[in-house]
C-alpha atoms as a PDB file:
ATOM      1  CA  UNK A   1     108.715 103.093 132.326  1.00  0.00           C
ATOM      2  CA  UNK A   2     105.457 101.357 131.477  1.00  0.00           C
ATOM      3  CA  UNK A   3     105.209 103.317 128.200  1.00  0.00           C
ATOM      4  CA  UNK A   4     108.633 102.100 127.019  1.00  0.00           C
ATOM      5  CA  UNK A   5     107.687  98.484 127.813  1.00  0.00           C
ATOM      6  CA  UNK A   6     104.463  98.875 125.856  1.00  0.00           C
ATOM      7  CA  UNK A   7     106.295 100.489 122.942  1.00  0.00           C
ATOM      8  CA  UNK A   8     108.922  97.738 123.057  1.00  0.00           C
ATOM      9  CA  UNK A   9     106.258  95.048 122.950  1.00  0.00           C
ATOM     10  CA  UNK A  10     104.498  96.815 120.078  1.00  0.00           C
ATOM     11  CA  UNK A  11     107.750  97.060 118.087  1.00  0.00           C
ATOM     12  CA  UNK A  12     108.542  93.419 118.774  1.00  0.00           C
ATOM     13  CA  UNK A  13     105.124  92.317 117.530  1.00  0.00           C
ATOM     14  CA  UNK A  14     105.366  94.612 114.497  1.00  0.00           C
ATOM     15  CA  UNK A  15     108.821  93.289 113.556  1.00  0.00           C
ATOM     16  CA  UNK A  16     107.703  89.679 113.883  1.00  0.00           C
ATOM     17  CA  UNK A  17     104.562  90.427 111.870  1.00  0.00           C
ATOM     18  CA  UNK A  18     106.673  91.864 109.038  1.00  0.00           C
ATOM     19  CA  UNK A  19     108.931  88.802 109.050  1.00  0.00           C
ATOM     20  CA  UNK A  20     106.100  86.266 109.158  1.00  0.00           C
ATOM     21  CA  UNK A  21     104.053  88.079 106.499  1.00  0.00           C
ATOM     22  CA  UNK A  22     107.068  88.103 104.164  1.00  0.00           C
ATOM     23  CA  UNK A  23     107.701  84.402 104.754  1.00  0.00           C
ATOM     24  CA  UNK A  24     104.012  83.573 104.244  1.00  0.00           C
ATOM     25  CA  UNK A  25     103.833  85.618 101.025  1.00  0.00           C
ATOM     26  CA  UNK A  26     107.030  83.967  99.742  1.00  0.00           C
ATOM     27  CA  UNK A  27     105.572  80.548 100.521  1.00  0.00           C
ATOM     28  CA  UNK A  28     102.436  81.461  98.570  1.00  0.00           C
ATOM     29  CA  UNK A  29     104.612  82.418  95.593  1.00  0.00           C
ATOM     30  CA  UNK A  30     106.712  79.253  95.954  1.00  0.00           C
ATOM     31  CA  UNK A  31     103.638  76.998  95.921  1.00  0.00           C
ATOM     32  CA  UNK A  32     102.231  78.948  92.935  1.00  0.00           C
ATOM     33  CA  UNK A  33      99.052  79.993  94.751  1.00  0.00           C
ATOM     34  CA  UNK A  34      99.654  83.639  93.876  1.00  0.00           C
ATOM     35  CA  UNK A  35     101.687  85.042  90.979  1.00  0.00           C
ATOM     36  CA  UNK A  36     105.018  86.738  91.432  1.00  0.00           C
ATOM     37  CA  UNK A  37     104.680  90.540  91.576  1.00  0.00           C
ATOM     38  CA  UNK A  38     105.429  91.820  88.083  1.00  0.00           C
ATOM     39  CA  UNK A  39     108.191  94.366  88.117  1.00  0.00           C
ATOM     40  CA  UNK A  40     109.770  93.521  84.797  1.00  0.00           C
ATOM     41  CA  UNK A  41     107.608  93.329  81.695  1.00  0.00           C
ATOM     42  CA  UNK A  42     109.480  92.359  78.572  1.00  0.00           C
ATOM     43  CA  UNK A  43     108.000  93.079  75.192  1.00  0.00           C
ATOM     44  CA  UNK A  44     109.165  91.708  71.895  1.00  0.00           C
ATOM     45  CA  UNK A  45     110.385  94.131  69.278  1.00  0.00           C
ATOM     46  CA  UNK A  46     108.474  93.976  66.007  1.00  0.00           C
ATOM     47  CA  UNK A  47     110.009  95.115  62.751  1.00  0.00           C
ATOM     48  CA  UNK A  48     108.016  96.953  60.138  1.00  0.00           C
ATOM     49  CA  UNK A  49     109.095  94.864  57.179  1.00  0.00           C
ATOM     50  CA  UNK A  50     106.865  93.403  54.528  1.00  0.00           C
ATOM     51  CA  UNK A  51     106.721  89.604  55.020  1.00  0.00           C
ATOM     52  CA  UNK A  52     106.893  89.097  51.227  1.00  0.00           C
ATOM     53  CA  UNK A  53     110.104  91.091  50.948  1.00  0.00           C
ATOM     54  CA  UNK A  54     112.230  89.305  53.556  1.00  0.00           C
ATOM     55  CA  UNK A  55     115.904  89.435  52.750  1.00  0.00           C
ATOM     56  CA  UNK A  56     118.504  86.887  53.797  1.00  0.00           C
ATOM     57  CA  UNK A  57     119.317  88.690  57.044  1.00  0.00           C
ATOM     58  CA  UNK A  58     115.683  88.775  58.159  1.00  0.00           C
ATOM     59  CA  UNK A  59     115.266  85.077  57.359  1.00  0.00           C
ATOM     60  CA  UNK A  60     118.388  84.301  59.368  1.00  0.00           C
ATOM     61  CA  UNK A  61     117.112  86.346  62.352  1.00  0.00           C
ATOM     62  CA  UNK A  62     113.777  84.563  62.179  1.00  0.00           C
ATOM     63  CA  UNK A  63     115.446  81.157  62.105  1.00  0.00           C
ATOM     64  CA  UNK A  64     117.755  81.976  65.044  1.00  0.00           C
ATOM     65  CA  UNK A  65     114.841  83.479  66.970  1.00  0.00           C
ATOM     66  CA  UNK A  66     112.731  80.354  66.583  1.00  0.00           C
ATOM     67  CA  UNK A  67     115.631  78.134  67.706  1.00  0.00           C
ATOM     68  CA  UNK A  68     116.269  80.302  70.771  1.00  0.00           C
ATOM     69  CA  UNK A  69     112.568  80.285  71.607  1.00  0.00           C
ATOM     70  CA  UNK A  70     112.576  76.482  71.630  1.00  0.00           C
ATOM     71  CA  UNK A  71     115.576  76.369  73.987  1.00  0.00           C
ATOM     72  CA  UNK A  72     114.512  79.201  76.283  1.00  0.00           C
ATOM     73  CA  UNK A  73     110.830  80.165  76.441  1.00  0.00           C
ATOM     74  CA  UNK A  74     110.107  83.847  75.966  1.00  0.00           C
ATOM     75  CA  UNK A  75     108.656  84.537  79.404  1.00  0.00           C
ATOM     76  CA  UNK A  76     111.266  82.592  81.402  1.00  0.00           C
ATOM     77  CA  UNK A  77     113.686  85.518  81.575  1.00  0.00           C
ATOM     78  CA  UNK A  78     110.878  87.770  82.783  1.00  0.00           C
ATOM     79  CA  UNK A  79     109.900  85.239  85.477  1.00  0.00           C
ATOM     80  CA  UNK A  80     113.509  84.850  86.639  1.00  0.00           C
ATOM     81  CA  UNK A  81     113.952  88.621  86.903  1.00  0.00           C
ATOM     82  CA  UNK A  82     110.674  88.985  88.826  1.00  0.00           C
ATOM     83  CA  UNK A  83     111.589  86.154  91.223  1.00  0.00           C
ATOM     84  CA  UNK A  84     115.030  87.641  91.755  1.00  0.00           C
ATOM     85  CA  UNK A  85     113.608  91.091  92.482  1.00  0.00           C
ATOM     86  CA  UNK A  86     111.050  89.610  94.903  1.00  0.00           C
ATOM     87  CA  UNK A  87     113.835  87.687  96.657  1.00  0.00           C
ATOM     88  CA  UNK A  88     115.828  90.876  97.148  1.00  0.00           C
ATOM     89  CA  UNK A  89     112.759  92.739  98.417  1.00  0.00           C
ATOM     90  CA  UNK A  90     111.843  89.869 100.776  1.00  0.00           C
ATOM     91  CA  UNK A  91     115.387  89.921 102.149  1.00  0.00           C
ATOM     92  CA  UNK A  92     115.113  93.651 102.783  1.00  0.00           C
ATOM     93  CA  UNK A  93     111.752  93.172 104.520  1.00  0.00           C
ATOM     94  CA  UNK A  94     113.077  90.379 106.730  1.00  0.00           C
ATOM     95  CA  UNK A  95     116.104  92.478 107.639  1.00  0.00           C
ATOM     96  CA  UNK A  96     113.889  95.475 108.445  1.00  0.00           C
ATOM     97  CA  UNK A  97     111.577  93.306 110.530  1.00  0.00           C
ATOM     98  CA  UNK A  98     114.505  91.948 112.505  1.00  0.00           C
ATOM     99  CA  UNK A  99     115.773  95.472 113.155  1.00  0.00           C
ATOM    100  CA  UNK A 100     112.348  96.614 114.374  1.00  0.00           C
ATOM    101  CA  UNK A 101     112.017  93.526 116.576  1.00  0.00           C
ATOM    102  CA  UNK A 102     115.527  94.123 117.911  1.00  0.00           C
ATOM    103  CA  UNK A 103     114.572  97.666 118.913  1.00  0.00           C
ATOM    104  CA  UNK A 104     111.510  96.280 120.659  1.00  0.00           C
ATOM    105  CA  UNK A 105     113.626  93.771 122.601  1.00  0.00           C
ATOM    106  CA  UNK A 106     116.045  96.525 123.661  1.00  0.00           C
ATOM    107  CA  UNK A 107     113.134  98.602 124.948  1.00  0.00           C
ATOM    108  CA  UNK A 108     111.750  95.631 126.866  1.00  0.00           C
ATOM    109  CA  UNK A 109     115.041  95.065 128.701  1.00  0.00           C
END
């Protein structure tokens, strides 16, 4: 009986620790004290064309690319994807922590 109470208390503390660590880490990311974990790394595709021999299509692609880069910075999509993936992972961690804490509460009762 005493062992189940001790195990229940341990699980409760562990579940709450997981939840609070996730919230603290998310707050650190939100206040920009630590960077977002990089899961997605986007690289730009380079073409192997001679800059002196650009045809009309290549000039058009370059012009459209520069206009898009002014509207939407190159690394913003990468940052959005990384924030989204961290949000999903934080949700999973908070859910797991609540399940572990719930098991601990059941063992305490």
